[in-house]
Amino acid sequence: MKRLSAPVPYEHVEQTHLFQWAAIPVVRQQYPELEMMFAIPNGGARTGIAGALMKAEGVKKGVPDILLPVKRGGHSGLFVEMKRRKHGVVSEDQNWWIANLEENGFMAVVVKGFDEARTMIEWYLGLEKTT
């Protein structure tokens, strides 16, 4: 008998869980800096008009999904590119942004799923504060 596995959640679901976790009062009490974390709406399918409007507003392909603009460990902030736990692929544009953000003093990481994202953010917030 073949065992069925649970479906792999979509990136949207994983990212939504991350922001739900970040809003839990006990988590927010431990990491008040999470109030500063926000999503960057660069991904997703859009109509031609919506895509053109967003491009005119400055949306750029490959920019990571999340920014935590808090200085830690000598970095100016943490950019997080979310991927599905399985089948998530980093594009050339995303690799370009990650490399250039790191060259400019940010930490930029790719994580697979909610658990990796949460672990990375907790680790980053545990680094020494940068002035």
N, C-alpha and C. Protein backbone atom coordinates (compact mmCIF):
# COMPACT_ATOMS: atom_id res chain seq x y z
N MET A 1 0.83 -1.18 0.00
CA MET A 1 0.00 0.00 0.00
C MET A 1 0.88 1.25 0.00
N LYS A 2 0.63 2.13 -0.93
CA LYS A 2 1.43 3.35 -1.06
C LYS A 2 0.96 4.38 -0.04
N ARG A 3 1.91 4.96 0.66
CA ARG A 3 1.60 5.97 1.68
C ARG A 3 1.50 7.34 1.00
N LEU A 4 0.42 8.04 1.26
CA LEU A 4 0.24 9.38 0.70
C LEU A 4 0.90 10.40 1.60
N SER A 5 1.59 11.35 0.99
CA SER A 5 2.21 12.40 1.79
C SER A 5 1.36 13.66 1.70
N ALA A 6 1.50 14.49 2.71
CA ALA A 6 0.75 15.74 2.74
C ALA A 6 1.26 16.65 1.63
N PRO A 7 0.37 17.45 1.04
CA PRO A 7 0.83 18.36 -0.02
C PRO A 7 1.79 19.41 0.55
N VAL A 8 2.70 19.84 -0.29
CA VAL A 8 3.66 20.88 0.10
C VAL A 8 2.95 22.22 0.03
N PRO A 9 2.94 22.98 1.15
CA PRO A 9 2.25 24.27 1.12
C PRO A 9 2.89 25.23 0.10
N TYR A 10 2.08 26.09 -0.47
CA TYR A 10 2.58 27.11 -1.38
C TYR A 10 3.35 28.16 -0.60
N GLU A 11 4.21 28.87 -1.30
CA GLU A 11 5.02 29.93 -0.69
C GLU A 11 4.13 30.94 0.04
N HIS A 12 3.01 31.30 -0.56
CA HIS A 12 2.09 32.26 0.06
C HIS A 12 1.65 31.79 1.44
N VAL A 13 1.32 30.52 1.56
CA VAL A 13 0.87 29.96 2.84
C VAL A 13 2.00 30.02 3.86
N GLU A 14 3.20 29.64 3.45
CA GLU A 14 4.36 29.65 4.35
C GLU A 14 4.65 31.08 4.83
N GLN A 15 4.61 32.04 3.91
CA GLN A 15 4.89 33.43 4.28
C GLN A 15 3.79 33.98 5.19
N THR A 16 2.55 33.62 4.93
CA THR A 16 1.44 34.04 5.79
C THR A 16 1.63 33.49 7.19
N HIS A 17 2.05 32.25 7.32
CA HIS A 17 2.32 31.66 8.64
C HIS A 17 3.44 32.41 9.35
N LEU A 18 4.45 32.83 8.60
CA LEU A 18 5.55 33.57 9.21
C LEU A 18 5.05 34.88 9.82
N PHE A 19 4.23 35.62 9.10
CA PHE A 19 3.73 36.88 9.64
C PHE A 19 2.71 36.66 10.75
N GLN A 20 1.98 35.55 10.72
CA GLN A 20 1.09 35.21 11.84
C GLN A 20 1.91 34.91 13.09
N TRP A 21 3.00 34.15 12.93
CA TRP A 21 3.90 33.86 14.05
C TRP A 21 4.47 35.15 14.61
N ALA A 22 4.91 36.05 13.73
CA ALA A 22 5.53 37.30 14.16
C ALA A 22 4.55 38.20 14.90
N ALA A 23 3.26 37.98 14.75
CA ALA A 23 2.25 38.80 15.40
C ALA A 23 1.77 38.22 16.74
N ILE A 24 2.20 37.03 17.09
CA ILE A 24 1.80 36.42 18.36
C ILE A 24 2.39 37.26 19.49
N PRO A 25 1.57 37.67 20.46
CA PRO A 25 2.05 38.57 21.51
C PRO A 25 3.31 38.10 22.24
N VAL A 26 3.39 36.82 22.59
CA VAL A 26 4.58 36.33 23.31
C VAL A 26 5.81 36.39 22.40
N VAL A 27 5.65 36.15 21.11
CA VAL A 27 6.77 36.26 20.16
C VAL A 27 7.17 37.72 20.02
N ARG A 28 6.19 38.59 19.89
CA ARG A 28 6.44 40.03 19.75
C ARG A 28 7.12 40.59 20.99
N GLN A 29 6.77 40.02 22.15
CA GLN A 29 7.40 40.46 23.39
C GLN A 29 8.88 40.07 23.40
N GLN A 30 9.16 38.86 22.91
CA GLN A 30 10.55 38.39 22.88
C GLN A 30 11.36 39.12 21.80
N TYR A 31 10.73 39.39 20.66
CA TYR A 31 11.39 40.03 19.52
C TYR A 31 10.59 41.26 19.08
N PRO A 32 10.64 42.36 19.83
CA PRO A 32 9.86 43.54 19.46
C PRO A 32 10.25 44.11 18.08
N GLU A 33 11.43 43.79 17.61
CA GLU A 33 11.88 44.26 16.30
C GLU A 33 11.03 43.71 15.16
N LEU A 34 10.29 42.63 15.41
CA LEU A 34 9.45 42.06 14.36
C LEU A 34 8.37 43.03 13.90
N GLU A 35 8.08 44.03 14.69
CA GLU A 35 7.14 45.08 14.27
C GLU A 35 7.64 45.76 12.99
N MET A 36 8.95 45.75 12.78
CA MET A 36 9.56 46.41 11.61
C MET A 36 9.55 45.52 10.36
N MET A 37 9.30 44.23 10.50
CA MET A 37 9.37 43.31 9.37
C MET A 37 8.18 43.53 8.43
N PHE A 38 8.45 43.53 7.13
CA PHE A 38 7.36 43.70 6.16
C PHE A 38 7.64 42.92 4.89
N ALA A 39 6.56 42.66 4.15
CA ALA A 39 6.64 41.95 2.87
C ALA A 39 6.86 42.95 1.75
N ILE A 40 7.56 42.50 0.72
CA ILE A 40 7.80 43.30 -0.48
C ILE A 40 7.01 42.63 -1.60
N PRO A 41 5.95 43.26 -2.08
CA PRO A 41 5.02 42.60 -3.02
C PRO A 41 5.53 42.57 -4.46
N ASN A 42 6.62 41.86 -4.70
CA ASN A 42 7.19 41.79 -6.04
C ASN A 42 6.74 40.56 -6.81
N GLY A 43 6.28 39.52 -6.12
CA GLY A 43 5.96 38.27 -6.80
C GLY A 43 4.51 38.17 -7.22
N GLY A 44 4.20 37.05 -7.80
CA GLY A 44 2.82 36.76 -8.16
C GLY A 44 2.45 37.18 -9.57
N ALA A 45 1.44 36.51 -10.08
CA ALA A 45 0.95 36.82 -11.42
C ALA A 45 0.05 38.04 -11.36
N ARG A 46 0.16 38.88 -12.37
CA ARG A 46 -0.65 40.09 -12.45
C ARG A 46 -1.14 40.26 -13.88
N THR A 47 -2.22 41.02 -14.02
CA THR A 47 -2.68 41.35 -15.37
C THR A 47 -1.64 42.28 -16.00
N GLY A 48 -1.70 42.44 -17.30
CA GLY A 48 -0.76 43.31 -18.00
C GLY A 48 -0.79 44.73 -17.48
N ILE A 49 -1.99 45.26 -17.22
CA ILE A 49 -2.10 46.63 -16.73
C ILE A 49 -1.54 46.75 -15.31
N ALA A 50 -1.91 45.82 -14.43
CA ALA A 50 -1.42 45.87 -13.05
C ALA A 50 0.10 45.73 -13.03
N GLY A 51 0.63 44.83 -13.84
CA GLY A 51 2.08 44.66 -13.91
C GLY A 51 2.78 45.91 -14.40
N ALA A 52 2.22 46.54 -15.41
CA ALA A 52 2.81 47.78 -15.95
C ALA A 52 2.77 48.89 -14.91
N LEU A 53 1.67 49.00 -14.17
CA LEU A 53 1.56 50.02 -13.13
C LEU A 53 2.58 49.79 -12.02
N MET A 54 2.72 48.54 -11.60
CA MET A 54 3.67 48.23 -10.53
C MET A 54 5.11 48.47 -10.99
N LYS A 55 5.40 48.11 -12.24
CA LYS A 55 6.75 48.36 -12.78
C LYS A 55 7.03 49.85 -12.80
N ALA A 56 6.03 50.66 -13.19
CA ALA A 56 6.20 52.11 -13.23
C ALA A 56 6.43 52.66 -11.81
N GLU A 57 5.88 51.98 -10.80
CA GLU A 57 6.05 52.41 -9.41
C GLU A 57 7.39 51.95 -8.83
N GLY A 58 8.14 51.15 -9.57
CA GLY A 58 9.46 50.75 -9.10
C GLY A 58 9.61 49.30 -8.69
N VAL A 59 8.59 48.48 -8.87
CA VAL A 59 8.71 47.06 -8.55
C VAL A 59 9.75 46.45 -9.49
N LYS A 60 10.63 45.62 -8.93
CA LYS A 60 11.70 45.01 -9.73
C LYS A 60 11.73 43.51 -9.52
N LYS A 61 11.97 42.78 -10.62
CA LYS A 61 12.06 41.32 -10.59
C LYS A 61 13.21 40.88 -9.70
N GLY A 62 12.93 39.87 -8.88
CA GLY A 62 13.99 39.23 -8.12
C GLY A 62 14.24 39.78 -6.73
N VAL A 63 13.65 40.92 -6.38
CA VAL A 63 13.85 41.46 -5.04
C VAL A 63 13.27 40.46 -4.03
N PRO A 64 14.00 40.18 -2.94
CA PRO A 64 13.49 39.23 -1.95
C PRO A 64 12.12 39.61 -1.40
N ASP A 65 11.45 38.62 -0.83
CA ASP A 65 10.07 38.75 -0.37
C ASP A 65 9.87 39.57 0.89
N ILE A 66 10.85 39.56 1.78
CA ILE A 66 10.67 40.13 3.12
C ILE A 66 11.91 40.94 3.49
N LEU A 67 11.67 42.04 4.21
CA LEU A 67 12.77 42.82 4.77
C LEU A 67 12.53 43.03 6.25
N LEU A 68 13.57 42.76 7.03
CA LEU A 68 13.61 43.08 8.45
C LEU A 68 14.70 44.15 8.59
N PRO A 69 14.31 45.44 8.58
CA PRO A 69 15.30 46.52 8.57
C PRO A 69 15.84 46.83 9.97
N VAL A 70 16.52 45.84 10.53
CA VAL A 70 17.08 45.93 11.87
C VAL A 70 18.56 45.56 11.77
N LYS A 71 19.42 46.41 12.30
CA LYS A 71 20.87 46.17 12.23
C LYS A 71 21.30 45.11 13.25
N ARG A 72 22.00 44.11 12.74
CA ARG A 72 22.55 43.05 13.59
C ARG A 72 23.82 42.50 12.95
N GLY A 73 24.77 42.13 13.79
CA GLY A 73 25.96 41.42 13.34
C GLY A 73 26.72 42.12 12.22
N GLY A 74 26.72 43.44 12.21
CA GLY A 74 27.42 44.18 11.17
C GLY A 74 26.63 44.36 9.89
N HIS A 75 25.39 43.89 9.86
CA HIS A 75 24.53 44.01 8.67
C HIS A 75 23.51 45.12 8.88
N SER A 76 23.10 45.73 7.78
CA SER A 76 22.12 46.82 7.83
C SER A 76 20.69 46.32 7.95
N GLY A 77 20.46 45.05 7.71
CA GLY A 77 19.13 44.46 7.78
C GLY A 77 19.16 43.08 7.16
N LEU A 78 18.04 42.38 7.26
CA LEU A 78 17.92 41.02 6.75
C LEU A 78 16.85 40.96 5.67
N PHE A 79 17.24 40.55 4.47
CA PHE A 79 16.30 40.25 3.38
C PHE A 79 16.09 38.74 3.35
N VAL A 80 14.84 38.34 3.19
CA VAL A 80 14.50 36.91 3.17
C VAL A 80 13.74 36.60 1.88
N GLU A 81 14.26 35.67 1.12
CA GLU A 81 13.57 35.15 -0.06
C GLU A 81 12.94 33.82 0.35
N MET A 82 11.62 33.77 0.35
CA MET A 82 10.89 32.56 0.72
C MET A 82 10.73 31.65 -0.49
N LYS A 83 10.87 30.36 -0.24
CA LYS A 83 10.61 29.33 -1.25
C LYS A 83 9.78 28.23 -0.62
N ARG A 84 9.11 27.46 -1.46
CA ARG A 84 8.39 26.28 -0.97
C ARG A 84 9.40 25.29 -0.41
N ARG A 85 8.95 24.45 0.50
CA ARG A 85 9.84 23.44 1.08
C ARG A 85 10.40 22.51 0.04
N LYS A 86 9.61 22.23 -0.99
CA LYS A 86 10.07 21.40 -2.11
C LYS A 86 9.74 22.15 -3.39
N HIS A 87 10.59 21.99 -4.36
CA HIS A 87 10.38 22.51 -5.71
C HIS A 87 10.60 24.02 -5.85
N GLY A 88 11.03 24.70 -4.80
CA GLY A 88 11.31 26.13 -4.91
C GLY A 88 12.64 26.36 -5.60
N VAL A 89 12.65 27.21 -6.61
CA VAL A 89 13.86 27.46 -7.39
C VAL A 89 14.19 28.95 -7.31
N VAL A 90 15.47 29.25 -7.10
CA VAL A 90 15.94 30.64 -7.06
C VAL A 90 16.27 31.06 -8.49
N SER A 91 15.69 32.17 -8.93
CA SER A 91 15.91 32.65 -10.29
C SER A 91 17.24 33.40 -10.40
N GLU A 92 17.67 33.65 -11.63
CA GLU A 92 18.88 34.45 -11.86
C GLU A 92 18.71 35.85 -11.28
N ASP A 93 17.53 36.44 -11.47
CA ASP A 93 17.27 37.78 -10.92
C ASP A 93 17.39 37.76 -9.40
N GLN A 94 16.86 36.74 -8.76
CA GLN A 94 16.94 36.65 -7.30
C GLN A 94 18.38 36.48 -6.84
N ASN A 95 19.15 35.64 -7.53
CA ASN A 95 20.57 35.49 -7.19
C ASN A 95 21.31 36.81 -7.33
N TRP A 96 20.99 37.57 -8.38
CA TRP A 96 21.64 38.88 -8.58
C TRP A 96 21.35 39.81 -7.41
N TRP A 97 20.07 39.88 -7.01
CA TRP A 97 19.70 40.75 -5.89
C TRP A 97 20.37 40.31 -4.61
N ILE A 98 20.37 39.03 -4.32
CA ILE A 98 20.98 38.52 -3.09
C ILE A 98 22.46 38.90 -3.03
N ALA A 99 23.19 38.67 -4.12
CA ALA A 99 24.62 39.00 -4.16
C ALA A 99 24.84 40.50 -3.97
N ASN A 100 24.05 41.32 -4.64
CA ASN A 100 24.24 42.77 -4.55
C ASN A 100 23.81 43.33 -3.20
N LEU A 101 22.77 42.78 -2.62
CA LEU A 101 22.38 43.22 -1.28
C LEU A 101 23.47 42.89 -0.27
N GLU A 102 24.05 41.71 -0.37
CA GLU A 102 25.14 41.33 0.54
C GLU A 102 26.36 42.22 0.35
N GLU A 103 26.68 42.57 -0.91
CA GLU A 103 27.80 43.47 -1.17
C GLU A 103 27.58 44.85 -0.57
N ASN A 104 26.32 45.20 -0.31
CA ASN A 104 25.99 46.51 0.20
C ASN A 104 25.59 46.49 1.68
N GLY A 105 26.04 45.47 2.40
CA GLY A 105 25.91 45.48 3.85
C GLY A 105 24.70 44.80 4.44
N PHE A 106 23.88 44.18 3.62
CA PHE A 106 22.72 43.46 4.13
C PHE A 106 23.02 41.98 4.19
N MET A 107 22.29 41.27 5.04
CA MET A 107 22.29 39.82 4.97
C MET A 107 21.09 39.47 4.10
N ALA A 108 21.29 38.59 3.16
CA ALA A 108 20.21 38.17 2.26
C ALA A 108 20.25 36.65 2.16
N VAL A 109 19.13 36.02 2.48
CA VAL A 109 19.08 34.56 2.55
C VAL A 109 17.89 34.00 1.80
N VAL A 110 18.03 32.76 1.38
CA VAL A 110 16.93 32.00 0.80
C VAL A 110 16.55 30.95 1.83
N VAL A 111 15.26 30.87 2.14
CA VAL A 111 14.78 29.87 3.09
C VAL A 111 13.68 29.06 2.45
N LYS A 112 13.56 27.81 2.89
CA LYS A 112 12.51 26.93 2.38
C LYS A 112 11.49 26.71 3.48
N GLY A 113 10.38 27.40 3.35
CA GLY A 113 9.27 27.21 4.26
C GLY A 113 9.35 28.04 5.53
N PHE A 114 8.24 27.99 6.27
CA PHE A 114 8.07 28.74 7.50
C PHE A 114 9.13 28.42 8.54
N ASP A 115 9.39 27.14 8.78
CA ASP A 115 10.32 26.75 9.84
C ASP A 115 11.72 27.33 9.62
N GLU A 116 12.22 27.21 8.38
CA GLU A 116 13.55 27.78 8.09
C GLU A 116 13.55 29.30 8.23
N ALA A 117 12.47 29.93 7.78
CA ALA A 117 12.38 31.39 7.88
C ALA A 117 12.40 31.83 9.34
N ARG A 118 11.57 31.20 10.15
CA ARG A 118 11.51 31.54 11.58
C ARG A 118 12.87 31.33 12.25
N THR A 119 13.49 30.20 11.97
CA THR A 119 14.79 29.90 12.57
C THR A 119 15.83 30.94 12.16
N MET A 120 15.86 31.32 10.89
CA MET A 120 16.82 32.31 10.41
C MET A 120 16.59 33.67 11.07
N ILE A 121 15.33 34.08 11.17
CA ILE A 121 15.02 35.38 11.77
C ILE A 121 15.38 35.39 13.25
N GLU A 122 15.07 34.33 13.96
CA GLU A 122 15.45 34.26 15.38
C GLU A 122 16.96 34.29 15.54
N TRP A 123 17.67 33.57 14.68
CA TRP A 123 19.14 33.58 14.74
C TRP A 123 19.67 34.99 14.48
N TYR A 124 19.16 35.64 13.44
CA TYR A 124 19.60 36.98 13.08
C TYR A 124 19.35 37.96 14.22
N LEU A 125 18.17 37.91 14.82
CA LEU A 125 17.85 38.82 15.92
C LEU A 125 18.69 38.54 17.16
N GLY A 126 19.28 37.35 17.24
CA GLY A 126 20.17 37.01 18.35
C GLY A 126 21.59 37.53 18.17
N LEU A 127 21.90 38.01 16.99
CA LEU A 127 23.24 38.58 16.75
C LEU A 127 23.38 39.90 17.51
N GLU A 128 24.62 40.30 17.70
CA GLU A 128 24.89 41.57 18.40
C GLU A 128 24.34 42.75 17.61
N LYS A 129 23.75 43.69 18.33
CA LYS A 129 23.21 44.89 17.69
C LYS A 129 24.34 45.70 17.06
N THR A 130 24.07 46.22 15.88
CA THR A 130 25.03 47.04 15.16
C THR A 130 24.61 48.49 15.30
N THR A 131 25.57 49.35 15.58
CA THR A 131 25.23 50.78 15.71
C THR A 131 25.57 51.53 14.44
